[in-house]
Amino acid sequence: MSLLDVGKLALIAIAPTLIGAVVIYAPKWCAALAQLRPAHDDPEPEPIGLPIEKLAADLRRLLRLHDELTRSAHIAIRAHRLWAVEAAIGVRAVEAARALDVPHREPAPGATVSRTELGRLLHALVNAGLVLPTTVGPFTSDGRL
């Protein structure tokens, strides 16, 4: 009998015991490994945009700035600044409409909201409960919300 034959005989004798041990202890080993691995729980949902309070405060600030610019600045300076402020108001108004689930038209990427649409959107936001200044410049026919 060679050493190879002795090894085969020992393997045949020990194999059932090894298989039984694997069947019994494998679930315990897997559970222990699972506990060592960090849990990948679902992360807390995070808001997509800014909080509605921040959006409302920005809109109020921008509307006041727009009102001040329409009343005070020289026409040449006023045109560029008003365009920039109106674009910012449009962006914030769309974000607030999304946050409050107010129906609105999504502007194309890089496009701005027209004055008519902006007036309608500001009215819809006020109707949804957002507090804005009473005067909104040329966005509405009478200048008031």
C-alpha atoms as a PDB file:
ATOM      1  CA  MET A   1       0.000   0.000   0.000  1.00  0.00           C
ATOM      2  CA  SER A   2       1.444   3.348  -1.002  1.00  0.00           C
ATOM      3  CA  LEU A   3       1.126   6.692   0.661  1.00  0.00           C
ATOM      4  CA  LEU A   4      -1.310   7.780  -2.037  1.00  0.00           C
ATOM      5  CA  ASP A   5      -3.626   4.880  -1.195  1.00  0.00           C
ATOM      6  CA  VAL A   6      -3.529   5.782   2.499  1.00  0.00           C
ATOM      7  CA  GLY A   7      -4.474   9.380   1.635  1.00  0.00           C
ATOM      8  CA  LYS A   8      -7.433   8.210  -0.462  1.00  0.00           C
ATOM      9  CA  LEU A   9      -8.646   5.940   2.348  1.00  0.00           C
ATOM     10  CA  ALA A  10      -8.401   8.772   4.910  1.00  0.00           C
ATOM     11  CA  LEU A  11     -10.271  11.131   2.590  1.00  0.00           C
ATOM     12  CA  ILE A  12     -13.059   8.566   2.075  1.00  0.00           C
ATOM     13  CA  ALA A  13     -13.371   8.079   5.835  1.00  0.00           C
ATOM     14  CA  ILE A  14     -13.346  11.797   6.722  1.00  0.00           C
ATOM     15  CA  ALA A  15     -15.468  13.112   3.794  1.00  0.00           C
ATOM     16  CA  PRO A  16     -18.911  12.442   5.365  1.00  0.00           C
ATOM     17  CA  THR A  17     -17.848  14.221   8.566  1.00  0.00           C
ATOM     18  CA  LEU A  18     -16.501  17.228   6.613  1.00  0.00           C
ATOM     19  CA  ILE A  19     -19.664  17.468   4.493  1.00  0.00           C
ATOM     20  CA  GLY A  20     -21.841  17.317   7.624  1.00  0.00           C
ATOM     21  CA  ALA A  21     -19.778  20.037   9.318  1.00  0.00           C
ATOM     22  CA  VAL A  22     -20.082  22.316   6.273  1.00  0.00           C
ATOM     23  CA  VAL A  23     -23.866  21.786   6.155  1.00  0.00           C
ATOM     24  CA  ILE A  24     -24.232  22.560   9.868  1.00  0.00           C
ATOM     25  CA  TYR A  25     -21.774  25.458  10.233  1.00  0.00           C
ATOM     26  CA  ALA A  26     -22.023  27.217   6.842  1.00  0.00           C
ATOM     27  CA  PRO A  27     -25.169  29.228   7.748  1.00  0.00           C
ATOM     28  CA  LYS A  28     -23.512  30.393  10.993  1.00  0.00           C
ATOM     29  CA  TRP A  29     -20.378  31.460   9.130  1.00  0.00           C
ATOM     30  CA  CYS A  30     -22.426  33.317   6.502  1.00  0.00           C
ATOM     31  CA  ALA A  31     -24.403  35.119   9.223  1.00  0.00           C
ATOM     32  CA  ALA A  32     -21.184  36.131  10.981  1.00  0.00           C
ATOM     33  CA  LEU A  33     -19.731  37.455   7.710  1.00  0.00           C
ATOM     34  CA  ALA A  34     -22.937  39.369   7.004  1.00  0.00           C
ATOM     35  CA  GLN A  35     -22.719  41.075  10.393  1.00  0.00           C
ATOM     36  CA  LEU A  36     -19.132  42.129   9.721  1.00  0.00           C
ATOM     37  CA  ARG A  37     -20.099  43.759   6.421  1.00  0.00           C
ATOM     38  CA  PRO A  38     -21.580  47.270   6.804  1.00  0.00           C
ATOM     39  CA  ALA A  39     -25.308  47.411   6.312  1.00  0.00           C
ATOM     40  CA  HIS A  40     -26.465  49.101   3.127  1.00  0.00           C
ATOM     41  CA  ASP A  41     -29.798  50.393   4.340  1.00  0.00           C
ATOM     42  CA  ASP A  42     -31.741  52.725   2.137  1.00  0.00           C
ATOM     43  CA  PRO A  43     -30.436  56.233   2.739  1.00  0.00           C
ATOM     44  CA  GLU A  44     -32.774  58.885   4.045  1.00  0.00           C
ATOM     45  CA  PRO A  45     -34.550  60.616   1.182  1.00  0.00           C
ATOM     46  CA  GLU A  46     -33.081  64.008   0.477  1.00  0.00           C
ATOM     47  CA  PRO A  47     -34.957  66.876  -1.118  1.00  0.00           C
ATOM     48  CA  ILE A  48     -34.205  67.528  -4.756  1.00  0.00           C
ATOM     49  CA  GLY A  49     -34.002  71.293  -4.489  1.00  0.00           C
ATOM     50  CA  LEU A  50     -33.863  74.042  -1.930  1.00  0.00           C
ATOM     51  CA  PRO A  51     -36.339  74.126   0.964  1.00  0.00           C
ATOM     52  CA  ILE A  52     -39.554  75.995   0.155  1.00  0.00           C
ATOM     53  CA  GLU A  53     -38.760  78.600   2.836  1.00  0.00           C
ATOM     54  CA  LYS A  54     -35.503  79.454   1.078  1.00  0.00           C
ATOM     55  CA  LEU A  55     -37.247  79.588  -2.309  1.00  0.00           C
ATOM     56  CA  ALA A  56     -39.944  81.895  -0.929  1.00  0.00           C
ATOM     57  CA  ALA A  57     -37.364  84.178   0.704  1.00  0.00           C
ATOM     58  CA  ASP A  58     -35.360  84.353  -2.548  1.00  0.00           C
ATOM     59  CA  LEU A  59     -38.490  85.122  -4.572  1.00  0.00           C
ATOM     60  CA  ARG A  60     -39.527  87.892  -2.165  1.00  0.00           C
ATOM     61  CA  ARG A  61     -36.031  89.398  -2.247  1.00  0.00           C
ATOM     62  CA  LEU A  62     -35.844  89.246  -6.049  1.00  0.00           C
ATOM     63  CA  LEU A  63     -39.320  90.745  -6.466  1.00  0.00           C
ATOM     64  CA  ARG A  64     -38.421  93.640  -4.153  1.00  0.00           C
ATOM     65  CA  LEU A  65     -35.176  94.177  -6.089  1.00  0.00           C
ATOM     66  CA  HIS A  66     -37.096  94.129  -9.366  1.00  0.00           C
ATOM     67  CA  ASP A  67     -39.542  96.710  -8.023  1.00  0.00           C
ATOM     68  CA  GLU A  68     -36.672  98.962  -6.856  1.00  0.00           C
ATOM     69  CA  LEU A  69     -34.895  98.686 -10.215  1.00  0.00           C
ATOM     70  CA  THR A  70     -38.007  99.567 -12.218  1.00  0.00           C
ATOM     71  CA  ARG A  71     -38.494 102.696 -10.127  1.00  0.00           C
ATOM     72  CA  SER A  72     -34.958 104.025  -9.732  1.00  0.00           C
ATOM     73  CA  ALA A  73     -32.346 102.949 -12.267  1.00  0.00           C
ATOM     74  CA  HIS A  74     -31.488 104.786 -15.462  1.00  0.00           C
ATOM     75  CA  ILE A  75     -32.999 103.120 -18.530  1.00  0.00           C
ATOM     76  CA  ALA A  76     -29.633 101.994 -19.973  1.00  0.00           C
ATOM     77  CA  ILE A  77     -28.515 100.365 -16.739  1.00  0.00           C
ATOM     78  CA  ARG A  78     -31.963  99.135 -15.850  1.00  0.00           C
ATOM     79  CA  ALA A  79     -32.524  96.986 -18.947  1.00  0.00           C
ATOM     80  CA  HIS A  80     -29.659  94.568 -18.357  1.00  0.00           C
ATOM     81  CA  ARG A  81     -30.208  94.338 -14.614  1.00  0.00           C
ATOM     82  CA  LEU A  82     -33.943  93.834 -15.009  1.00  0.00           C
ATOM     83  CA  TRP A  83     -33.359  91.035 -17.496  1.00  0.00           C
ATOM     84  CA  ALA A  84     -31.023  89.274 -15.046  1.00  0.00           C
ATOM     85  CA  VAL A  85     -33.399  89.738 -12.099  1.00  0.00           C
ATOM     86  CA  GLU A  86     -36.389  88.532 -14.156  1.00  0.00           C
ATOM     87  CA  ALA A  87     -34.446  85.436 -15.217  1.00  0.00           C
ATOM     88  CA  ALA A  88     -33.588  84.705 -11.571  1.00  0.00           C
ATOM     89  CA  ILE A  89     -37.220  85.219 -10.543  1.00  0.00           C
ATOM     90  CA  GLY A  90     -38.295  82.804 -13.261  1.00  0.00           C
ATOM     91  CA  VAL A  91     -35.847  80.130 -12.103  1.00  0.00           C
ATOM     92  CA  ARG A  92     -36.923  80.439  -8.464  1.00  0.00           C
ATOM     93  CA  ALA A  93     -40.608  80.518  -9.402  1.00  0.00           C
ATOM     94  CA  VAL A  94     -40.264  77.280 -11.385  1.00  0.00           C
ATOM     95  CA  GLU A  95     -38.403  75.644  -8.483  1.00  0.00           C
ATOM     96  CA  ALA A  96     -41.112  76.776  -6.052  1.00  0.00           C
ATOM     97  CA  ALA A  97     -43.806  75.465  -8.404  1.00  0.00           C
ATOM     98  CA  ARG A  98     -42.090  72.079  -8.485  1.00  0.00           C
ATOM     99  CA  ALA A  99     -41.804  72.038  -4.689  1.00  0.00           C
ATOM    100  CA  LEU A 100     -45.476  72.933  -4.223  1.00  0.00           C
ATOM    101  CA  ASP A 101     -46.729  70.725  -7.093  1.00  0.00           C
ATOM    102  CA  VAL A 102     -48.177  73.754  -8.858  1.00  0.00           C
ATOM    103  CA  PRO A 103     -48.857  72.952 -12.535  1.00  0.00           C
ATOM    104  CA  HIS A 104     -46.541  74.916 -14.781  1.00  0.00           C
ATOM    105  CA  ARG A 105     -44.763  74.712 -18.119  1.00  0.00           C
ATOM    106  CA  GLU A 106     -41.167  73.552 -17.817  1.00  0.00           C
ATOM    107  CA  PRO A 107     -38.922  75.903 -19.779  1.00  0.00           C
ATOM    108  CA  ALA A 108     -36.447  74.366 -22.174  1.00  0.00           C
ATOM    109  CA  PRO A 109     -32.877  74.043 -20.861  1.00  0.00           C
ATOM    110  CA  GLY A 110     -31.241  77.443 -21.078  1.00  0.00           C
ATOM    111  CA  ALA A 111     -34.543  79.207 -21.804  1.00  0.00           C
ATOM    112  CA  THR A 112     -36.325  81.676 -19.539  1.00  0.00           C
ATOM    113  CA  VAL A 113     -39.968  82.028 -18.578  1.00  0.00           C
ATOM    114  CA  SER A 114     -41.803  84.784 -20.473  1.00  0.00           C
ATOM    115  CA  ARG A 115     -43.262  87.728 -18.563  1.00  0.00           C
ATOM    116  CA  THR A 116     -46.815  86.552 -19.205  1.00  0.00           C
ATOM    117  CA  GLU A 117     -46.060  83.037 -17.984  1.00  0.00           C
ATOM    118  CA  LEU A 118     -44.158  84.447 -15.017  1.00  0.00           C
ATOM    119  CA  GLY A 119     -47.164  86.549 -14.004  1.00  0.00           C
ATOM    120  CA  ARG A 120     -49.442  83.500 -14.195  1.00  0.00           C
ATOM    121  CA  LEU A 121     -46.944  81.368 -12.299  1.00  0.00           C
ATOM    122  CA  LEU A 122     -46.553  83.943  -9.519  1.00  0.00           C
ATOM    123  CA  HIS A 123     -50.348  84.116  -9.153  1.00  0.00           C
ATOM    124  CA  ALA A 124     -50.527  80.313  -9.017  1.00  0.00           C
ATOM    125  CA  LEU A 125     -47.825  80.246  -6.336  1.00  0.00           C
ATOM    126  CA  VAL A 126     -49.704  82.799  -4.244  1.00  0.00           C
ATOM    127  CA  ASN A 127     -52.894  80.754  -4.664  1.00  0.00           C
ATOM    128  CA  ALA A 128     -50.950  77.692  -3.476  1.00  0.00           C
ATOM    129  CA  GLY A 129     -50.060  79.532  -0.262  1.00  0.00           C
ATOM    130  CA  LEU A 130     -46.655  81.066  -0.980  1.00  0.00           C
ATOM    131  CA  VAL A 131     -46.354  84.533   0.572  1.00  0.00           C
ATOM    132  CA  LEU A 132     -44.929  87.049  -1.899  1.00  0.00           C
ATOM    133  CA  PRO A 133     -44.826  90.863  -1.945  1.00  0.00           C
ATOM    134  CA  THR A 134     -48.039  92.477  -3.152  1.00  0.00           C
ATOM    135  CA  THR A 135     -46.320  94.411  -5.940  1.00  0.00           C
ATOM    136  CA  VAL A 136     -44.647  92.459  -8.690  1.00  0.00           C
ATOM    137  CA  GLY A 137     -43.872  95.143 -11.243  1.00  0.00           C
ATOM    138  CA  PRO A 138     -44.816  94.563 -14.859  1.00  0.00           C
ATOM    139  CA  PHE A 139     -45.509  90.837 -14.467  1.00  0.00           C
ATOM    140  CA  THR A 140     -49.246  91.497 -13.965  1.00  0.00           C
ATOM    141  CA  SER A 141     -51.582  93.962 -15.613  1.00  0.00           C
ATOM    142  CA  ASP A 142     -52.129  96.059 -12.481  1.00  0.00           C
ATOM    143  CA  GLY A 143     -48.677  95.465 -10.904  1.00  0.00           C
ATOM    144  CA  ARG A 144     -50.170  93.665  -7.907  1.00  0.00           C
ATOM    145  CA  LEU A 145     -50.703  90.060  -6.916  1.00  0.00           C
END
